[in-house]
Amino acid sequence: MLKLPGDDFVTIELVHDPTHREPEMGTGLSHFVIKVESMAAAVARLAAHGIHAAEPQSPSGSDDFLTTWITDPDGNRIELVQWPAGHPDGMTAADWHD
């Protein structure tokens, strides 16, 4: 993750390294996170294309903050997040708990 000075949210830059063939768990990037407007619609659309998503869960126990996981063909984990209403477009310092 990368949060630039002056940005209110986390951004990311993707870099391809052709010499690094196999992902190594526990080092570097562990997964991508993609914001979705509607978890139900995203999961249904993925299912229509034969992509299985894990059962959506709520880290906060609410009905409007949901996450789920899919895995790409290379084994990379991708997290889908439906932020609650009024949440900024990305992760902020308020999302980190001490």
PDB file of N, CA and C in Angstrom:
ATOM      1  N   MET A   1       0.848  -1.172   0.000  1.00  0.00           N
ATOM      2  CA  MET A   1       0.000   0.000   0.000  1.00  0.00           C
ATOM      3  C   MET A   1       0.891   1.230   0.000  1.00  0.00           C
ATOM      4  N   LEU A   2       0.386   2.276  -0.574  1.00  0.00           N
ATOM      5  CA  LEU A   2       1.116   3.528  -0.652  1.00  0.00           C
ATOM      6  C   LEU A   2       0.136   4.665  -0.410  1.00  0.00           C
ATOM      7  N   LYS A   3       0.442   5.511   0.536  1.00  0.00           N
ATOM      8  CA  LYS A   3      -0.354   6.709   0.797  1.00  0.00           C
ATOM      9  C   LYS A   3       0.573   7.894   0.628  1.00  0.00           C
ATOM     10  N   LEU A   4       0.331   8.684  -0.385  1.00  0.00           N
ATOM     11  CA  LEU A   4       1.175   9.832  -0.681  1.00  0.00           C
ATOM     12  C   LEU A   4       0.818  11.022   0.202  1.00  0.00           C
ATOM     13  N   PRO A   5       1.795  11.872   0.514  1.00  0.00           N
ATOM     14  CA  PRO A   5       1.490  13.074   1.309  1.00  0.00           C
ATOM     15  C   PRO A   5       0.399  13.900   0.618  1.00  0.00           C
ATOM     16  N   GLY A   6      -0.560  14.333   1.391  1.00  0.00           N
ATOM     17  CA  GLY A   6      -1.652  15.139   0.846  1.00  0.00           C
ATOM     18  C   GLY A   6      -2.830  14.313   0.347  1.00  0.00           C
ATOM     19  N   ASP A   7      -2.654  13.006   0.169  1.00  0.00           N
ATOM     20  CA  ASP A   7      -3.762  12.150  -0.245  1.00  0.00           C
ATOM     21  C   ASP A   7      -4.561  11.736   0.985  1.00  0.00           C
ATOM     22  N   ASP A   8      -5.869  11.668   0.842  1.00  0.00           N
ATOM     23  CA  ASP A   8      -6.728  11.230   1.936  1.00  0.00           C
ATOM     24  C   ASP A   8      -6.909   9.721   1.943  1.00  0.00           C
ATOM     25  N   PHE A   9      -6.433   9.038   0.916  1.00  0.00           N
ATOM     26  CA  PHE A   9      -6.675   7.608   0.806  1.00  0.00           C
ATOM     27  C   PHE A   9      -5.418   6.893   0.333  1.00  0.00           C
ATOM     28  N   VAL A  10      -5.425   5.603   0.485  1.00  0.00           N
ATOM     29  CA  VAL A  10      -4.309   4.771   0.058  1.00  0.00           C
ATOM     30  C   VAL A  10      -4.388   4.562  -1.450  1.00  0.00           C
ATOM     31  N   THR A  11      -3.241   4.657  -2.119  1.00  0.00           N
ATOM     32  CA  THR A  11      -3.149   4.360  -3.547  1.00  0.00           C
ATOM     33  C   THR A  11      -2.128   3.249  -3.724  1.00  0.00           C
ATOM     34  N   ILE A  12      -2.015   2.729  -4.916  1.00  0.00           N
ATOM     35  CA  ILE A  12      -1.047   1.652  -5.170  1.00  0.00           C
ATOM     36  C   ILE A  12      -0.448   1.819  -6.555  1.00  0.00           C
ATOM     37  N   GLU A  13       0.781   1.435  -6.685  1.00  0.00           N
ATOM     38  CA  GLU A  13       1.449   1.395  -7.984  1.00  0.00           C
ATOM     39  C   GLU A  13       1.841  -0.050  -8.236  1.00  0.00           C
ATOM     40  N   LEU A  14       1.532  -0.559  -9.396  1.00  0.00           N
ATOM     41  CA  LEU A  14       1.868  -1.939  -9.741  1.00  0.00           C
ATOM     42  C   LEU A  14       3.117  -1.940 -10.615  1.00  0.00           C
ATOM     43  N   VAL A  15       4.055  -2.793 -10.286  1.00  0.00           N
ATOM     44  CA  VAL A  15       5.302  -2.897 -11.032  1.00  0.00           C
ATOM     45  C   VAL A  15       5.523  -4.360 -11.402  1.00  0.00           C
ATOM     46  N   HIS A  16       5.846  -4.622 -12.647  1.00  0.00           N
ATOM     47  CA  HIS A  16       6.106  -5.988 -13.104  1.00  0.00           C
ATOM     48  C   HIS A  16       7.604  -6.256 -13.073  1.00  0.00           C
ATOM     49  N   ASP A  17       7.986  -7.366 -12.454  1.00  0.00           N
ATOM     50  CA  ASP A  17       9.373  -7.798 -12.404  1.00  0.00           C
ATOM     51  C   ASP A  17       9.462  -9.153 -13.097  1.00  0.00           C
ATOM     52  N   PRO A  18       9.904  -9.199 -14.356  1.00  0.00           N
ATOM     53  CA  PRO A  18       9.915 -10.452 -15.100  1.00  0.00           C
ATOM     54  C   PRO A  18      10.863 -11.506 -14.517  1.00  0.00           C
ATOM     55  N   THR A  19      11.780 -11.111 -13.631  1.00  0.00           N
ATOM     56  CA  THR A  19      12.696 -12.084 -13.028  1.00  0.00           C
ATOM     57  C   THR A  19      12.082 -12.777 -11.826  1.00  0.00           C
ATOM     58  N   HIS A  20      10.956 -12.276 -11.327  1.00  0.00           N
ATOM     59  CA  HIS A  20      10.303 -12.861 -10.153  1.00  0.00           C
ATOM     60  C   HIS A  20       9.110 -13.670 -10.642  1.00  0.00           C
ATOM     61  N   ARG A  21       9.284 -14.964 -10.761  1.00  0.00           N
ATOM     62  CA  ARG A  21       8.273 -15.826 -11.368  1.00  0.00           C
ATOM     63  C   ARG A  21       7.209 -16.310 -10.387  1.00  0.00           C
ATOM     64  N   GLU A  22       7.585 -16.805  -9.228  1.00  0.00           N
ATOM     65  CA  GLU A  22       6.652 -17.401  -8.279  1.00  0.00           C
ATOM     66  C   GLU A  22       6.397 -16.468  -7.105  1.00  0.00           C
ATOM     67  N   PRO A  23       5.135 -16.261  -6.725  1.00  0.00           N
ATOM     68  CA  PRO A  23       4.871 -15.448  -5.542  1.00  0.00           C
ATOM     69  C   PRO A  23       5.365 -16.148  -4.287  1.00  0.00           C
ATOM     70  N   GLU A  24       5.898 -15.366  -3.358  1.00  0.00           N
ATOM     71  CA  GLU A  24       6.365 -15.902  -2.086  1.00  0.00           C
ATOM     72  C   GLU A  24       5.494 -15.333  -0.987  1.00  0.00           C
ATOM     73  N   MET A  25       4.689 -16.196  -0.364  1.00  0.00           N
ATOM     74  CA  MET A  25       3.793 -15.731   0.687  1.00  0.00           C
ATOM     75  C   MET A  25       4.601 -15.171   1.848  1.00  0.00           C
ATOM     76  N   GLY A  26       4.106 -14.096   2.421  1.00  0.00           N
ATOM     77  CA  GLY A  26       4.756 -13.493   3.576  1.00  0.00           C
ATOM     78  C   GLY A  26       5.772 -12.427   3.220  1.00  0.00           C
ATOM     79  N   THR A  27       6.032 -12.216   1.927  1.00  0.00           N
ATOM     80  CA  THR A  27       6.965 -11.172   1.530  1.00  0.00           C
ATOM     81  C   THR A  27       6.275 -10.238   0.558  1.00  0.00           C
ATOM     82  N   GLY A  28       6.485  -8.963   0.729  1.00  0.00           N
ATOM     83  CA  GLY A  28       5.938  -7.994  -0.210  1.00  0.00           C
ATOM     84  C   GLY A  28       4.426  -7.944  -0.199  1.00  0.00           C
ATOM     85  N   LEU A  29       3.853  -7.777  -1.342  1.00  0.00           N
ATOM     86  CA  LEU A  29       2.412  -7.654  -1.527  1.00  0.00           C
ATOM     87  C   LEU A  29       1.714  -8.960  -1.176  1.00  0.00           C
ATOM     88  N   SER A  30       0.677  -8.891  -0.341  1.00  0.00           N
ATOM     89  CA  SER A  30      -0.047 -10.115  -0.003  1.00  0.00           C
ATOM     90  C   SER A  30      -1.337 -10.247  -0.785  1.00  0.00           C
ATOM     91  N   HIS A  31      -1.975  -9.125  -1.150  1.00  0.00           N
ATOM     92  CA  HIS A  31      -3.186  -9.211  -1.954  1.00  0.00           C
ATOM     93  C   HIS A  31      -3.588  -7.834  -2.465  1.00  0.00           C
ATOM     94  N   PHE A  32      -4.439  -7.837  -3.483  1.00  0.00           N
ATOM     95  CA  PHE A  32      -5.039  -6.621  -4.015  1.00  0.00           C
ATOM     96  C   PHE A  32      -6.380  -6.409  -3.335  1.00  0.00           C
ATOM     97  N   VAL A  33      -6.806  -5.157  -3.244  1.00  0.00           N
ATOM     98  CA  VAL A  33      -8.143  -4.839  -2.743  1.00  0.00           C
ATOM     99  C   VAL A  33      -8.834  -3.999  -3.812  1.00  0.00           C
ATOM    100  N   ILE A  34     -10.055  -4.382  -4.148  1.00  0.00           N
ATOM    101  CA  ILE A  34     -10.842  -3.656  -5.149  1.00  0.00           C
ATOM    102  C   ILE A  34     -12.158  -3.242  -4.517  1.00  0.00           C
ATOM    103  N   LYS A  35     -12.480  -1.960  -4.620  1.00  0.00           N
ATOM    104  CA  LYS A  35     -13.746  -1.432  -4.102  1.00  0.00           C
ATOM    105  C   LYS A  35     -14.869  -1.777  -5.072  1.00  0.00           C
ATOM    106  N   VAL A  36     -15.994  -2.257  -4.524  1.00  0.00           N
ATOM    107  CA  VAL A  36     -17.193  -2.503  -5.322  1.00  0.00           C
ATOM    108  C   VAL A  36     -18.337  -1.684  -4.730  1.00  0.00           C
ATOM    109  N   GLU A  37     -19.239  -1.245  -5.564  1.00  0.00           N
ATOM    110  CA  GLU A  37     -20.386  -0.466  -5.084  1.00  0.00           C
ATOM    111  C   GLU A  37     -21.411  -1.358  -4.400  1.00  0.00           C
ATOM    112  N   SER A  38     -21.608  -2.551  -4.957  1.00  0.00           N
ATOM    113  CA  SER A  38     -22.575  -3.502  -4.414  1.00  0.00           C
ATOM    114  C   SER A  38     -21.936  -4.886  -4.382  1.00  0.00           C
ATOM    115  N   MET A  39     -21.755  -5.430  -3.184  1.00  0.00           N
ATOM    116  CA  MET A  39     -21.151  -6.752  -3.065  1.00  0.00           C
ATOM    117  C   MET A  39     -22.029  -7.800  -3.740  1.00  0.00           C
ATOM    118  N   ALA A  40     -23.336  -7.719  -3.523  1.00  0.00           N
ATOM    119  CA  ALA A  40     -24.246  -8.699  -4.115  1.00  0.00           C
ATOM    120  C   ALA A  40     -24.140  -8.690  -5.638  1.00  0.00           C
ATOM    121  N   ALA A  41     -24.107  -7.502  -6.242  1.00  0.00           N
ATOM    122  CA  ALA A  41     -24.013  -7.404  -7.699  1.00  0.00           C
ATOM    123  C   ALA A  41     -22.658  -7.908  -8.197  1.00  0.00           C
ATOM    124  N   ALA A  42     -21.579  -7.584  -7.484  1.00  0.00           N
ATOM    125  CA  ALA A  42     -20.244  -8.028  -7.894  1.00  0.00           C
ATOM    126  C   ALA A  42     -20.123  -9.542  -7.826  1.00  0.00           C
ATOM    127  N   VAL A  43     -20.586 -10.143  -6.720  1.00  0.00           N
ATOM    128  CA  VAL A  43     -20.514 -11.598  -6.566  1.00  0.00           C
ATOM    129  C   VAL A  43     -21.371 -12.288  -7.630  1.00  0.00           C
ATOM    130  N   ALA A  44     -22.557 -11.752  -7.921  1.00  0.00           N
ATOM    131  CA  ALA A  44     -23.424 -12.335  -8.950  1.00  0.00           C
ATOM    132  C   ALA A  44     -22.777 -12.252 -10.327  1.00  0.00           C
ATOM    133  N   ARG A  45     -22.158 -11.131 -10.629  1.00  0.00           N
ATOM    134  CA  ARG A  45     -21.512 -10.974 -11.941  1.00  0.00           C
ATOM    135  C   ARG A  45     -20.327 -11.924 -12.069  1.00  0.00           C
ATOM    136  N   LEU A  46     -19.529 -12.054 -11.008  1.00  0.00           N
ATOM    137  CA  LEU A  46     -18.412 -13.000 -11.037  1.00  0.00           C
ATOM    138  C   LEU A  46     -18.921 -14.429 -11.237  1.00  0.00           C
ATOM    139  N   ALA A  47     -19.967 -14.807 -10.504  1.00  0.00           N
ATOM    140  CA  ALA A  47     -20.535 -16.156 -10.611  1.00  0.00           C
ATOM    141  C   ALA A  47     -21.027 -16.428 -12.035  1.00  0.00           C
ATOM    142  N   ALA A  48     -21.596 -15.404 -12.671  1.00  0.00           N
ATOM    143  CA  ALA A  48     -22.082 -15.557 -14.045  1.00  0.00           C
ATOM    144  C   ALA A  48     -20.942 -15.860 -15.016  1.00  0.00           C
ATOM    145  N   HIS A  49     -19.715 -15.516 -14.621  1.00  0.00           N
ATOM    146  CA  HIS A  49     -18.538 -15.788 -15.446  1.00  0.00           C
ATOM    147  C   HIS A  49     -17.723 -16.962 -14.908  1.00  0.00           C
ATOM    148  N   GLY A  50     -18.320 -17.734 -13.981  1.00  0.00           N
ATOM    149  CA  GLY A  50     -17.671 -18.923 -13.467  1.00  0.00           C
ATOM    150  C   GLY A  50     -16.595 -18.666 -12.418  1.00  0.00           C
ATOM    151  N   ILE A  51     -16.622 -17.497 -11.797  1.00  0.00           N
ATOM    152  CA  ILE A  51     -15.625 -17.152 -10.776  1.00  0.00           C
ATOM    153  C   ILE A  51     -16.272 -17.249  -9.410  1.00  0.00           C
ATOM    154  N   HIS A  52     -15.711 -18.106  -8.551  1.00  0.00           N
ATOM    155  CA  HIS A  52     -16.248 -18.305  -7.211  1.00  0.00           C
ATOM    156  C   HIS A  52     -15.684 -17.269  -6.254  1.00  0.00           C
ATOM    157  N   ALA A  53     -16.563 -16.650  -5.492  1.00  0.00           N
ATOM    158  CA  ALA A  53     -16.170 -15.730  -4.420  1.00  0.00           C
ATOM    159  C   ALA A  53     -16.563 -16.362  -3.091  1.00  0.00           C
ATOM    160  N   ALA A  54     -15.732 -16.171  -2.088  1.00  0.00           N
ATOM    161  CA  ALA A  54     -16.055 -16.656  -0.748  1.00  0.00           C
ATOM    162  C   ALA A  54     -17.303 -15.935  -0.246  1.00  0.00           C
ATOM    163  N   GLU A  55     -17.966 -16.512   0.734  1.00  0.00           N
ATOM    164  CA  GLU A  55     -19.152 -15.877   1.322  1.00  0.00           C
ATOM    165  C   GLU A  55     -18.753 -14.514   1.893  1.00  0.00           C
ATOM    166  N   PRO A  56     -19.421 -13.425   1.479  1.00  0.00           N
ATOM    167  CA  PRO A  56     -19.073 -12.104   2.014  1.00  0.00           C
ATOM    168  C   PRO A  56     -19.224 -12.055   3.537  1.00  0.00           C
ATOM    169  N   GLN A  57     -18.298 -11.367   4.170  1.00  0.00           N
ATOM    170  CA  GLN A  57     -18.274 -11.182   5.617  1.00  0.00           C
ATOM    171  C   GLN A  57     -18.243  -9.691   5.926  1.00  0.00           C
ATOM    172  N   SER A  58     -18.612  -9.329   7.127  1.00  0.00           N
ATOM    173  CA  SER A  58     -18.540  -7.934   7.564  1.00  0.00           C
ATOM    174  C   SER A  58     -17.572  -7.815   8.728  1.00  0.00           C
ATOM    175  N   PRO A  59     -16.432  -7.124   8.529  1.00  0.00           N
ATOM    176  CA  PRO A  59     -15.481  -6.929   9.624  1.00  0.00           C
ATOM    177  C   PRO A  59     -16.082  -6.188  10.812  1.00  0.00           C
ATOM    178  N   SER A  60     -17.100  -5.364  10.561  1.00  0.00           N
ATOM    179  CA  SER A  60     -17.703  -4.566  11.628  1.00  0.00           C
ATOM    180  C   SER A  60     -19.035  -5.131  12.112  1.00  0.00           C
ATOM    181  N   GLY A  61     -19.518  -6.187  11.462  1.00  0.00           N
ATOM    182  CA  GLY A  61     -20.812  -6.756  11.816  1.00  0.00           C
ATOM    183  C   GLY A  61     -21.985  -6.017  11.191  1.00  0.00           C
ATOM    184  N   SER A  62     -21.704  -5.053  10.323  1.00  0.00           N
ATOM    185  CA  SER A  62     -22.779  -4.281   9.690  1.00  0.00           C
ATOM    186  C   SER A  62     -23.180  -4.923   8.361  1.00  0.00           C
ATOM    187  N   ASP A  63     -24.297  -4.463   7.820  1.00  0.00           N
ATOM    188  CA  ASP A  63     -24.773  -4.977   6.539  1.00  0.00           C
ATOM    189  C   ASP A  63     -24.212  -4.213   5.346  1.00  0.00           C
ATOM    190  N   ASP A  64     -23.550  -3.064   5.599  1.00  0.00           N
ATOM    191  CA  ASP A  64     -23.077  -2.260   4.470  1.00  0.00           C
ATOM    192  C   ASP A  64     -21.558  -2.186   4.355  1.00  0.00           C
ATOM    193  N   PHE A  65     -20.807  -2.844   5.252  1.00  0.00           N
ATOM    194  CA  PHE A  65     -19.355  -2.958   5.134  1.00  0.00           C
ATOM    195  C   PHE A  65     -19.058  -4.440   4.963  1.00  0.00           C
ATOM    196  N   LEU A  66     -18.757  -4.832   3.719  1.00  0.00           N
ATOM    197  CA  LEU A  66     -18.595  -6.249   3.394  1.00  0.00           C
ATOM    198  C   LEU A  66     -17.279  -6.493   2.663  1.00  0.00           C
ATOM    199  N   THR A  67     -16.700  -7.655   2.900  1.00  0.00           N
ATOM    200  CA  THR A  67     -15.516  -8.079   2.165  1.00  0.00           C
ATOM    201  C   THR A  67     -15.700  -9.520   1.714  1.00  0.00           C
ATOM    202  N   THR A  68     -15.038  -9.882   0.626  1.00  0.00           N
ATOM    203  CA  THR A  68     -14.985 -11.264   0.157  1.00  0.00           C
ATOM    204  C   THR A  68     -13.684 -11.449  -0.592  1.00  0.00           C
ATOM    205  N   TRP A  69     -13.376 -12.703  -0.922  1.00  0.00           N
ATOM    206  CA  TRP A  69     -12.117 -13.037  -1.581  1.00  0.00           C
ATOM    207  C   TRP A  69     -12.351 -13.867  -2.833  1.00  0.00           C
ATOM    208  N   ILE A  70     -11.515 -13.588  -3.843  1.00  0.00           N
ATOM    209  CA  ILE A  70     -11.415 -14.445  -5.014  1.00  0.00           C
ATOM    210  C   ILE A  70      -9.920 -14.715  -5.228  1.00  0.00           C
ATOM    211  N   THR A  71      -9.608 -15.688  -6.040  1.00  0.00           N
ATOM    212  CA  THR A  71      -8.214 -16.005  -6.362  1.00  0.00           C
ATOM    213  C   THR A  71      -8.063 -16.030  -7.873  1.00  0.00           C
ATOM    214  N   ASP A  72      -7.048 -15.316  -8.389  1.00  0.00           N
ATOM    215  CA  ASP A  72      -6.846 -15.292  -9.832  1.00  0.00           C
ATOM    216  C   ASP A  72      -6.168 -16.586 -10.294  1.00  0.00           C
ATOM    217  N   PRO A  73      -6.064 -16.814 -11.600  1.00  0.00           N
ATOM    218  CA  PRO A  73      -5.484 -18.070 -12.099  1.00  0.00           C
ATOM    219  C   PRO A  73      -4.037 -18.320 -11.655  1.00  0.00           C
ATOM    220  N   ASP A  74      -3.319 -17.262 -11.266  1.00  0.00           N
ATOM    221  CA  ASP A  74      -1.937 -17.421 -10.803  1.00  0.00           C
ATOM    222  C   ASP A  74      -1.856 -17.634  -9.295  1.00  0.00           C
ATOM    223  N   GLY A  75      -3.013 -17.709  -8.620  1.00  0.00           N
ATOM    224  CA  GLY A  75      -3.022 -17.934  -7.186  1.00  0.00           C
ATOM    225  C   GLY A  75      -2.959 -16.673  -6.349  1.00  0.00           C
ATOM    226  N   ASN A  76      -3.031 -15.503  -6.975  1.00  0.00           N
ATOM    227  CA  ASN A  76      -3.023 -14.243  -6.233  1.00  0.00           C
ATOM    228  C   ASN A  76      -4.397 -13.990  -5.622  1.00  0.00           C
ATOM    229  N   ARG A  77      -4.400 -13.612  -4.343  1.00  0.00           N
ATOM    230  CA  ARG A  77      -5.666 -13.329  -3.664  1.00  0.00           C
ATOM    231  C   ARG A  77      -6.103 -11.903  -3.976  1.00  0.00           C
ATOM    232  N   ILE A  78      -7.400 -11.748  -4.192  1.00  0.00           N
ATOM    233  CA  ILE A  78      -7.989 -10.437  -4.465  1.00  0.00           C
ATOM    234  C   ILE A  78      -9.151 -10.262  -3.511  1.00  0.00           C
ATOM    235  N   GLU A  79      -9.113  -9.173  -2.745  1.00  0.00           N
ATOM    236  CA  GLU A  79     -10.178  -8.868  -1.793  1.00  0.00           C
ATOM    237  C   GLU A  79     -11.116  -7.845  -2.417  1.00  0.00           C
ATOM    238  N   LEU A  80     -12.408  -8.119  -2.368  1.00  0.00           N
ATOM    239  CA  LEU A  80     -13.416  -7.159  -2.799  1.00  0.00           C
ATOM    240  C   LEU A  80     -13.983  -6.519  -1.539  1.00  0.00           C
ATOM    241  N   VAL A  81     -14.136  -5.196  -1.566  1.00  0.00           N
ATOM    242  CA  VAL A  81     -14.634  -4.464  -0.405  1.00  0.00           C
ATOM    243  C   VAL A  81     -15.781  -3.563  -0.813  1.00  0.00           C
ATOM    244  N   GLN A  82     -16.875  -3.677  -0.085  1.00  0.00           N
ATOM    245  CA  GLN A  82     -17.989  -2.730  -0.194  1.00  0.00           C
ATOM    246  C   GLN A  82     -17.919  -1.883   1.069  1.00  0.00           C
ATOM    247  N   TRP A  83     -17.455  -0.630   0.932  1.00  0.00           N
ATOM    248  CA  TRP A  83     -17.342   0.262   2.085  1.00  0.00           C
ATOM    249  C   TRP A  83     -18.725   0.717   2.534  1.00  0.00           C
ATOM    250  N   PRO A  84     -18.891   1.052   3.808  1.00  0.00           N
ATOM    251  CA  PRO A  84     -20.190   1.563   4.268  1.00  0.00           C
ATOM    252  C   PRO A  84     -20.492   2.923   3.654  1.00  0.00           C
ATOM    253  N   ALA A  85     -21.759   3.269   3.636  1.00  0.00           N
ATOM    254  CA  ALA A  85     -22.184   4.572   3.095  1.00  0.00           C
ATOM    255  C   ALA A  85     -21.427   5.694   3.784  1.00  0.00           C
ATOM    256  N   GLY A  86     -20.957   6.656   3.006  1.00  0.00           N
ATOM    257  CA  GLY A  86     -20.257   7.806   3.552  1.00  0.00           C
ATOM    258  C   GLY A  86     -18.765   7.602   3.770  1.00  0.00           C
ATOM    259  N   HIS A  87     -18.267   6.375   3.564  1.00  0.00           N
ATOM    260  CA  HIS A  87     -16.832   6.119   3.730  1.00  0.00           C
ATOM    261  C   HIS A  87     -16.060   6.733   2.569  1.00  0.00           C
ATOM    262  N   PRO A  88     -14.852   7.264   2.818  1.00  0.00           N
ATOM    263  CA  PRO A  88     -14.039   7.774   1.701  1.00  0.00           C
ATOM    264  C   PRO A  88     -13.763   6.670   0.680  1.00  0.00           C
ATOM    265  N   ASP A  89     -13.309   7.052  -0.505  1.00  0.00           N
ATOM    266  CA  ASP A  89     -13.084   6.104  -1.591  1.00  0.00           C
ATOM    267  C   ASP A  89     -11.982   5.084  -1.322  1.00  0.00           C
ATOM    268  N   GLY A  90     -11.139   5.316  -0.363  1.00  0.00           N
ATOM    269  CA  GLY A  90     -10.071   4.368  -0.068  1.00  0.00           C
ATOM    270  C   GLY A  90      -9.873   4.237   1.426  1.00  0.00           C
ATOM    271  N   MET A  91      -8.853   3.497   1.798  1.00  0.00           N
ATOM    272  CA  MET A  91      -8.532   3.300   3.201  1.00  0.00           C
ATOM    273  C   MET A  91      -7.943   4.576   3.784  1.00  0.00           C
ATOM    274  N   THR A  92      -8.346   4.926   4.989  1.00  0.00           N
ATOM    275  CA  THR A  92      -7.808   6.104   5.655  1.00  0.00           C
ATOM    276  C   THR A  92      -7.213   5.694   7.003  1.00  0.00           C
ATOM    277  N   ALA A  93      -6.572   6.624   7.675  1.00  0.00           N
ATOM    278  CA  ALA A  93      -5.987   6.338   8.990  1.00  0.00           C
ATOM    279  C   ALA A  93      -7.052   5.839   9.969  1.00  0.00           C
ATOM    280  N   ALA A  94      -8.296   6.276   9.802  1.00  0.00           N
ATOM    281  CA  ALA A  94      -9.385   5.855  10.702  1.00  0.00           C
ATOM    282  C   ALA A  94      -9.677   4.354  10.576  1.00  0.00           C
ATOM    283  N   ASP A  95      -9.252   3.725   9.464  1.00  0.00           N
ATOM    284  CA  ASP A  95      -9.497   2.303   9.263  1.00  0.00           C
ATOM    285  C   ASP A  95      -8.489   1.420   9.994  1.00  0.00           C
ATOM    286  N   TRP A  96      -7.406   2.002  10.481  1.00  0.00           N
ATOM    287  CA  TRP A  96      -6.382   1.243  11.205  1.00  0.00           C
ATOM    288  C   TRP A  96      -6.693   1.322  12.690  1.00  0.00           C
ATOM    289  N   HIS A  97      -6.721   0.180  13.317  1.00  0.00           N
ATOM    290  CA  HIS A  97      -6.992   0.128  14.749  1.00  0.00           C
ATOM    291  C   HIS A  97      -5.697  -0.132  15.494  1.00  0.00           C
ATOM    292  N   ASP A  98      -5.512   0.544  16.623  1.00  0.00           N
ATOM    293  CA  ASP A  98      -4.300   0.340  17.436  1.00  0.00           C
ATOM    294  C   ASP A  98      -4.380  -0.952  18.192  1.00  0.00           C
TER     295      ASP A  98
END
